[in-house]
C-alpha atoms as a PDB file:
ATOM      1  CA  MET A   1     -20.648  26.038  16.108  1.00  0.00           C
ATOM      2  CA  GLY A   2     -17.176  24.965  14.985  1.00  0.00           C
ATOM      3  CA  ASP A   3     -16.935  22.577  17.942  1.00  0.00           C
ATOM      4  CA  SER A   4     -20.112  20.695  16.987  1.00  0.00           C
ATOM      5  CA  GLN A   5     -18.971  20.424  13.382  1.00  0.00           C
ATOM      6  CA  SER A   6     -15.573  19.022  14.395  1.00  0.00           C
ATOM      7  CA  ARG A   7     -17.375  16.544  16.661  1.00  0.00           C
ATOM      8  CA  ARG A   8     -19.516  15.421  13.711  1.00  0.00           C
ATOM      9  CA  ILE A   9     -16.420  14.932  11.579  1.00  0.00           C
ATOM     10  CA  GLU A  10     -14.744  12.962  14.363  1.00  0.00           C
ATOM     11  CA  GLU A  11     -17.842  10.788  14.763  1.00  0.00           C
ATOM     12  CA  ARG A  12     -17.961  10.139  11.029  1.00  0.00           C
ATOM     13  CA  ILE A  13     -14.273   9.207  10.910  1.00  0.00           C
ATOM     14  CA  ALA A  14     -14.751   6.891  13.886  1.00  0.00           C
ATOM     15  CA  ARG A  15     -17.772   5.285  12.216  1.00  0.00           C
ATOM     16  CA  GLU A  16     -15.863   4.757   8.955  1.00  0.00           C
ATOM     17  CA  LEU A  17     -12.856   3.289  10.789  1.00  0.00           C
ATOM     18  CA  GLY A  18     -15.193   0.983  12.686  1.00  0.00           C
ATOM     19  CA  LEU A  19     -16.783  -0.163   9.433  1.00  0.00           C
ATOM     20  CA  ALA A  20     -13.385  -0.720   7.807  1.00  0.00           C
ATOM     21  CA  LEU A  21     -12.184  -2.749  10.801  1.00  0.00           C
ATOM     22  CA  ALA A  22     -15.390  -4.790  10.906  1.00  0.00           C
ATOM     23  CA  LEU A  23     -15.050  -5.589   7.204  1.00  0.00           C
ATOM     24  CA  LEU A  24     -11.382  -6.481   7.735  1.00  0.00           C
ATOM     25  CA  VAL A  25     -12.447  -8.985  10.393  1.00  0.00           C
ATOM     26  CA  ILE A  26     -15.086 -10.398   8.031  1.00  0.00           C
ATOM     27  CA  ALA A  27     -12.418 -10.656   5.308  1.00  0.00           C
ATOM     28  CA  LEU A  28     -10.210 -12.552   7.718  1.00  0.00           C
ATOM     29  CA  VAL A  29     -13.074 -14.931   8.504  1.00  0.00           C
ATOM     30  CA  GLN A  30     -13.881 -15.280   4.787  1.00  0.00           C
ATOM     31  CA  THR A  31     -10.320 -16.157   3.837  1.00  0.00           C
ATOM     32  CA  THR A  32      -9.723 -18.569   6.730  1.00  0.00           C
ATOM     33  CA  VAL A  33     -12.830 -20.048   8.347  1.00  0.00           C
ATOM     34  CA  LEU A  34     -15.148 -19.937   5.339  1.00  0.00           C
ATOM     35  CA  SER A  35     -12.535 -21.337   2.989  1.00  0.00           C
ATOM     36  CA  GLY A  36     -13.322 -24.868   1.943  1.00  0.00           C
ATOM     37  CA  PRO A  37     -11.585 -27.622   0.035  1.00  0.00           C
ATOM     38  CA  GLY A  38     -10.313 -26.586  -3.358  1.00  0.00           C
ATOM     39  CA  GLY A  39      -9.616 -23.051  -2.146  1.00  0.00           C
ATOM     40  CA  PHE A  40     -13.170 -21.797  -2.591  1.00  0.00           C
ATOM     41  CA  SER A  41     -14.726 -19.592   0.041  1.00  0.00           C
ATOM     42  CA  ILE A  42     -18.083 -17.946   0.409  1.00  0.00           C
ATOM     43  CA  PRO A  43     -17.695 -14.441  -1.071  1.00  0.00           C
ATOM     44  CA  LEU A  44     -19.302 -12.904   1.996  1.00  0.00           C
ATOM     45  CA  LEU A  45     -17.914  -9.402   1.524  1.00  0.00           C
ATOM     46  CA  LEU A  46     -19.241  -9.215  -2.015  1.00  0.00           C
ATOM     47  CA  VAL A  47     -22.660 -10.383  -0.854  1.00  0.00           C
ATOM     48  CA  LEU A  48     -22.692  -7.839   1.979  1.00  0.00           C
ATOM     49  CA  ALA A  49     -21.699  -4.973  -0.324  1.00  0.00           C
ATOM     50  CA  ILE A  50     -24.349  -5.832  -2.913  1.00  0.00           C
ATOM     51  CA  VAL A  51     -27.052  -6.327  -0.300  1.00  0.00           C
ATOM     52  CA  ARG A  52     -26.088  -3.052   1.432  1.00  0.00           C
ATOM     53  CA  ALA A  53     -26.419  -1.236  -1.884  1.00  0.00           C
ATOM     54  CA  LEU A  54     -29.777  -2.919  -2.592  1.00  0.00           C
ATOM     55  CA  VAL A  55     -31.158  -2.049   0.820  1.00  0.00           C
ATOM     56  CA  GLY A  56     -29.711   1.449   0.560  1.00  0.00           C
ATOM     57  CA  VAL A  57     -31.370   2.325  -2.740  1.00  0.00           C
ATOM     58  CA  ARG A  58     -34.740   1.487  -1.189  1.00  0.00           C
ATOM     59  CA  THR A  59     -34.346   4.132   1.536  1.00  0.00           C
ATOM     60  CA  ALA A  60     -35.499   7.754   1.539  1.00  0.00           C
ATOM     61  CA  GLU A  61     -32.066   8.774   0.212  1.00  0.00           C
ATOM     62  CA  PRO A  62     -31.287   6.233  -2.536  1.00  0.00           C
ATOM     63  CA  VAL A  63     -28.067   7.869  -3.739  1.00  0.00           C
ATOM     64  CA  ARG A  64     -26.676   7.937  -0.209  1.00  0.00           C
ATOM     65  CA  GLY A  65     -27.758   4.323   0.276  1.00  0.00           C
ATOM     66  CA  LEU A  66     -25.988   3.232  -2.902  1.00  0.00           C
ATOM     67  CA  MET A  67     -22.873   5.147  -1.837  1.00  0.00           C
ATOM     68  CA  ARG A  68     -22.845   3.296   1.491  1.00  0.00           C
ATOM     69  CA  GLY A  69     -22.907   0.012  -0.422  1.00  0.00           C
ATOM     70  CA  LEU A  70     -20.013   1.234  -2.545  1.00  0.00           C
ATOM     71  CA  TRP A  71     -18.013   2.116   0.569  1.00  0.00           C
ATOM     72  CA  TRP A  72     -18.671  -1.391   1.892  1.00  0.00           C
ATOM     73  CA  ALA A  73     -17.445  -2.802  -1.442  1.00  0.00           C
ATOM     74  CA  PHE A  74     -14.337  -0.619  -1.370  1.00  0.00           C
ATOM     75  CA  TYR A  75     -13.383  -1.381   2.244  1.00  0.00           C
ATOM     76  CA  GLY A  76     -14.150  -5.082   1.843  1.00  0.00           C
ATOM     77  CA  GLY A  77     -12.217  -5.289  -1.410  1.00  0.00           C
ATOM     78  CA  LEU A  78      -9.200  -3.583   0.116  1.00  0.00           C
ATOM     79  CA  ALA A  79      -9.349  -5.973   3.066  1.00  0.00           C
ATOM     80  CA  LEU A  80      -9.341  -8.939   0.688  1.00  0.00           C
ATOM     81  CA  ASP A  81      -6.477  -7.377  -1.257  1.00  0.00           C
ATOM     82  CA  VAL A  82      -4.408  -6.976   1.904  1.00  0.00           C
ATOM     83  CA  LEU A  83      -5.099 -10.560   3.011  1.00  0.00           C
ATOM     84  CA  GLY A  84      -4.892 -12.193  -0.422  1.00  0.00           C
ATOM     85  CA  THR A  85      -2.360 -12.859  -3.126  1.00  0.00           C
ATOM     86  CA  LEU A  86      -3.890 -10.931  -6.026  1.00  0.00           C
ATOM     87  CA  PRO A  87      -2.590  -7.490  -7.035  1.00  0.00           C
ATOM     88  CA  LEU A  88      -3.511  -4.698  -4.642  1.00  0.00           C
ATOM     89  CA  GLY A  89      -6.777  -3.115  -5.706  1.00  0.00           C
ATOM     90  CA  SER A  90      -8.081  -5.998  -7.807  1.00  0.00           C
ATOM     91  CA  HIS A  91     -10.775  -7.114  -5.334  1.00  0.00           C
ATOM     92  CA  ALA A  92     -11.687  -3.513  -4.557  1.00  0.00           C
ATOM     93  CA  VAL A  93     -12.154  -2.626  -8.236  1.00  0.00           C
ATOM     94  CA  ALA A  94     -14.077  -5.827  -8.979  1.00  0.00           C
ATOM     95  CA  GLN A  95     -16.404  -5.380  -5.996  1.00  0.00           C
ATOM     96  CA  LEU A  96     -16.991  -1.701  -6.746  1.00  0.00           C
ATOM     97  CA  ILE A  97     -17.920  -2.361 -10.371  1.00  0.00           C
ATOM     98  CA  ALA A  98     -20.164  -5.315  -9.505  1.00  0.00           C
ATOM     99  CA  THR A  99     -21.898  -3.380  -6.724  1.00  0.00           C
ATOM    100  CA  VAL A 100     -22.527  -0.235  -8.759  1.00  0.00           C
ATOM    101  CA  ILE A 101     -23.902  -2.158 -11.750  1.00  0.00           C
ATOM    102  CA  VAL A 102     -26.181  -4.334  -9.661  1.00  0.00           C
ATOM    103  CA  GLY A 103     -27.226  -1.444  -7.412  1.00  0.00           C
ATOM    104  CA  LEU A 104     -28.212   0.750 -10.338  1.00  0.00           C
ATOM    105  CA  PHE A 105     -30.179  -1.930 -12.172  1.00  0.00           C
ATOM    106  CA  ALA A 106     -31.829  -3.604  -9.184  1.00  0.00           C
ATOM    107  CA  ARG A 107     -33.189  -0.406  -7.661  1.00  0.00           C
ATOM    108  CA  ARG A 108     -36.299  -0.679  -9.786  1.00  0.00           C
ATOM    109  CA  PHE A 109     -37.347  -3.990  -8.242  1.00  0.00           C
ATOM    110  CA  ALA A 110     -38.996  -4.749  -4.909  1.00  0.00           C
ATOM    111  CA  LEU A 111     -36.421  -6.031  -2.456  1.00  0.00           C
ATOM    112  CA  GLU A 112     -39.124  -7.822  -0.487  1.00  0.00           C
ATOM    113  CA  ARG A 113     -39.274 -10.533  -3.128  1.00  0.00           C
ATOM    114  CA  PRO A 114     -36.590 -13.139  -2.338  1.00  0.00           C
ATOM    115  CA  LEU A 115     -35.750 -13.622  -6.006  1.00  0.00           C
ATOM    116  CA  VAL A 116     -34.522 -10.015  -6.431  1.00  0.00           C
ATOM    117  CA  PRO A 117     -31.547 -10.187  -4.035  1.00  0.00           C
ATOM    118  CA  LEU A 118     -30.707 -13.710  -5.207  1.00  0.00           C
ATOM    119  CA  VAL A 119     -30.580 -12.634  -8.857  1.00  0.00           C
ATOM    120  CA  ALA A 120     -28.711  -9.446  -7.938  1.00  0.00           C
ATOM    121  CA  VAL A 121     -26.049 -11.372  -6.025  1.00  0.00           C
ATOM    122  CA  ALA A 122     -25.799 -13.946  -8.819  1.00  0.00           C
ATOM    123  CA  VAL A 123     -25.258 -11.259 -11.460  1.00  0.00           C
ATOM    124  CA  GLY A 124     -22.878  -9.368  -9.190  1.00  0.00           C
ATOM    125  CA  THR A 125     -20.841 -12.511  -8.522  1.00  0.00           C
ATOM    126  CA  VAL A 126     -20.460 -13.225 -12.227  1.00  0.00           C
ATOM    127  CA  ILE A 127     -19.382  -9.628 -12.880  1.00  0.00           C
ATOM    128  CA  TYR A 128     -16.932  -9.778  -9.963  1.00  0.00           C
ATOM    129  CA  GLU A 129     -15.350 -13.051 -11.075  1.00  0.00           C
ATOM    130  CA  VAL A 130     -15.066 -11.940 -14.715  1.00  0.00           C
ATOM    131  CA  ILE A 131     -13.336  -8.714 -13.673  1.00  0.00           C
ATOM    132  CA  LEU A 132     -10.928 -10.600 -11.397  1.00  0.00           C
ATOM    133  CA  PHE A 133     -10.218 -12.978 -14.253  1.00  0.00           C
ATOM    134  CA  ALA A 134      -9.540 -10.113 -16.656  1.00  0.00           C
ATOM    135  CA  ILE A 135      -7.236  -8.391 -14.156  1.00  0.00           C
ATOM    136  CA  THR A 136      -5.191 -11.402 -13.113  1.00  0.00           C
ATOM    137  CA  LEU A 137      -4.902 -13.762 -16.057  1.00  0.00           C
ATOM    138  CA  PRO A 138      -3.052 -13.342 -19.353  1.00  0.00           C
ATOM    139  CA  ALA A 139      -4.636 -12.813 -22.733  1.00  0.00           C
ATOM    140  CA  MET A 140      -6.324 -15.642 -24.632  1.00  0.00           C
ATOM    141  CA  PRO A 141      -7.417 -17.638 -21.570  1.00  0.00           C
ATOM    142  CA  ASP A 142      -9.815 -20.555 -21.509  1.00  0.00           C
ATOM    143  CA  TRP A 143     -13.032 -18.766 -20.512  1.00  0.00           C
ATOM    144  CA  GLN A 144     -15.161 -21.921 -20.485  1.00  0.00           C
ATOM    145  CA  ALA A 145     -12.913 -23.754 -18.058  1.00  0.00           C
ATOM    146  CA  TYR A 146     -12.702 -20.686 -15.813  1.00  0.00           C
ATOM    147  CA  PHE A 147     -16.460 -20.293 -15.838  1.00  0.00           C
ATOM    148  CA  LEU A 148     -17.065 -23.927 -14.903  1.00  0.00           C
ATOM    149  CA  VAL A 149     -14.260 -24.267 -12.367  1.00  0.00           C
ATOM    150  CA  VAL A 150     -14.363 -20.847 -10.669  1.00  0.00           C
ATOM    151  CA  VAL A 151     -17.476 -18.831 -11.496  1.00  0.00           C
ATOM    152  CA  VAL A 152     -20.133 -21.512 -10.993  1.00  0.00           C
ATOM    153  CA  PRO A 153     -18.890 -22.642  -7.541  1.00  0.00           C
ATOM    154  CA  SER A 154     -18.426 -19.014  -6.456  1.00  0.00           C
ATOM    155  CA  LEU A 155     -21.925 -18.206  -7.660  1.00  0.00           C
ATOM    156  CA  LEU A 156     -23.464 -21.105  -5.760  1.00  0.00           C
ATOM    157  CA  LEU A 157     -21.542 -20.246  -2.595  1.00  0.00           C
ATOM    158  CA  ALA A 158     -22.578 -16.583  -2.840  1.00  0.00           C
ATOM    159  CA  LEU A 159     -26.258 -17.485  -2.841  1.00  0.00           C
ATOM    160  CA  ILE A 160     -26.025 -19.234   0.548  1.00  0.00           C
ATOM    161  CA  PRO A 161     -25.747 -16.130   2.783  1.00  0.00           C
ATOM    162  CA  THR A 162     -27.773 -13.789   0.571  1.00  0.00           C
ATOM    163  CA  LEU A 163     -31.227 -13.938   2.179  1.00  0.00           C
ATOM    164  CA  PRO A 164     -29.954 -13.874   5.785  1.00  0.00           C
ATOM    165  CA  ALA A 165     -27.733 -10.921   4.820  1.00  0.00           C
ATOM    166  CA  VAL A 166     -30.766  -9.049   3.445  1.00  0.00           C
ATOM    167  CA  VAL A 167     -32.638  -9.489   6.722  1.00  0.00           C
ATOM    168  CA  ILE A 168     -29.667  -8.458   8.883  1.00  0.00           C
ATOM    169  CA  ILE A 169     -28.641  -5.447   6.801  1.00  0.00           C
ATOM    170  CA  HIS A 170     -32.244  -4.308   6.444  1.00  0.00           C
ATOM    171  CA  ARG A 171     -32.497  -4.195  10.251  1.00  0.00           C
ATOM    172  CA  LEU A 172     -29.149  -2.410  10.549  1.00  0.00           C
ATOM    173  CA  VAL A 173     -30.118   0.252   8.025  1.00  0.00           C
ATOM    174  CA  ARG A 174     -33.508   0.737   9.622  1.00  0.00           C
ATOM    175  CA  THR A 175     -31.863   1.490  12.989  1.00  0.00           C
ATOM    176  CA  GLU A 176     -29.325   3.993  11.578  1.00  0.00           C
END
């Protein structure tokens, strides 16, 4: 009995390490390949974390599904922190807060409607960018300029992969 339990723990650790490495690779792609002129990149890890939480709360075990989305947000945020220039933990905290807020509020809506994940990712992106702004910039900043120069482009870029991510993650969760 102890042997099967240790095997389950080993399998779970291996699965979590695999997820963390996969999200690290995606972070590397996000910060290099998906980075465009002006320094903007598609916030793919944020989109994946929010979509994973949305898909997860629609499963038979909604709390477990939301927790999986939060793990994706945490691992993805740490990967961005390691690869980026912001203080360690800033992306992780911002993605966790955005994912938990959106996951808790969006669970009441049908994910099958394309507008639900689009609105969820839009709200999550705004929350994420505002938290990053609050963490990294000094007091009395110009919120309007930041919103127009950073938040709006990030929001528009986040909407691009949202619907394909819903389809892909829905199939991944269904096969788990």
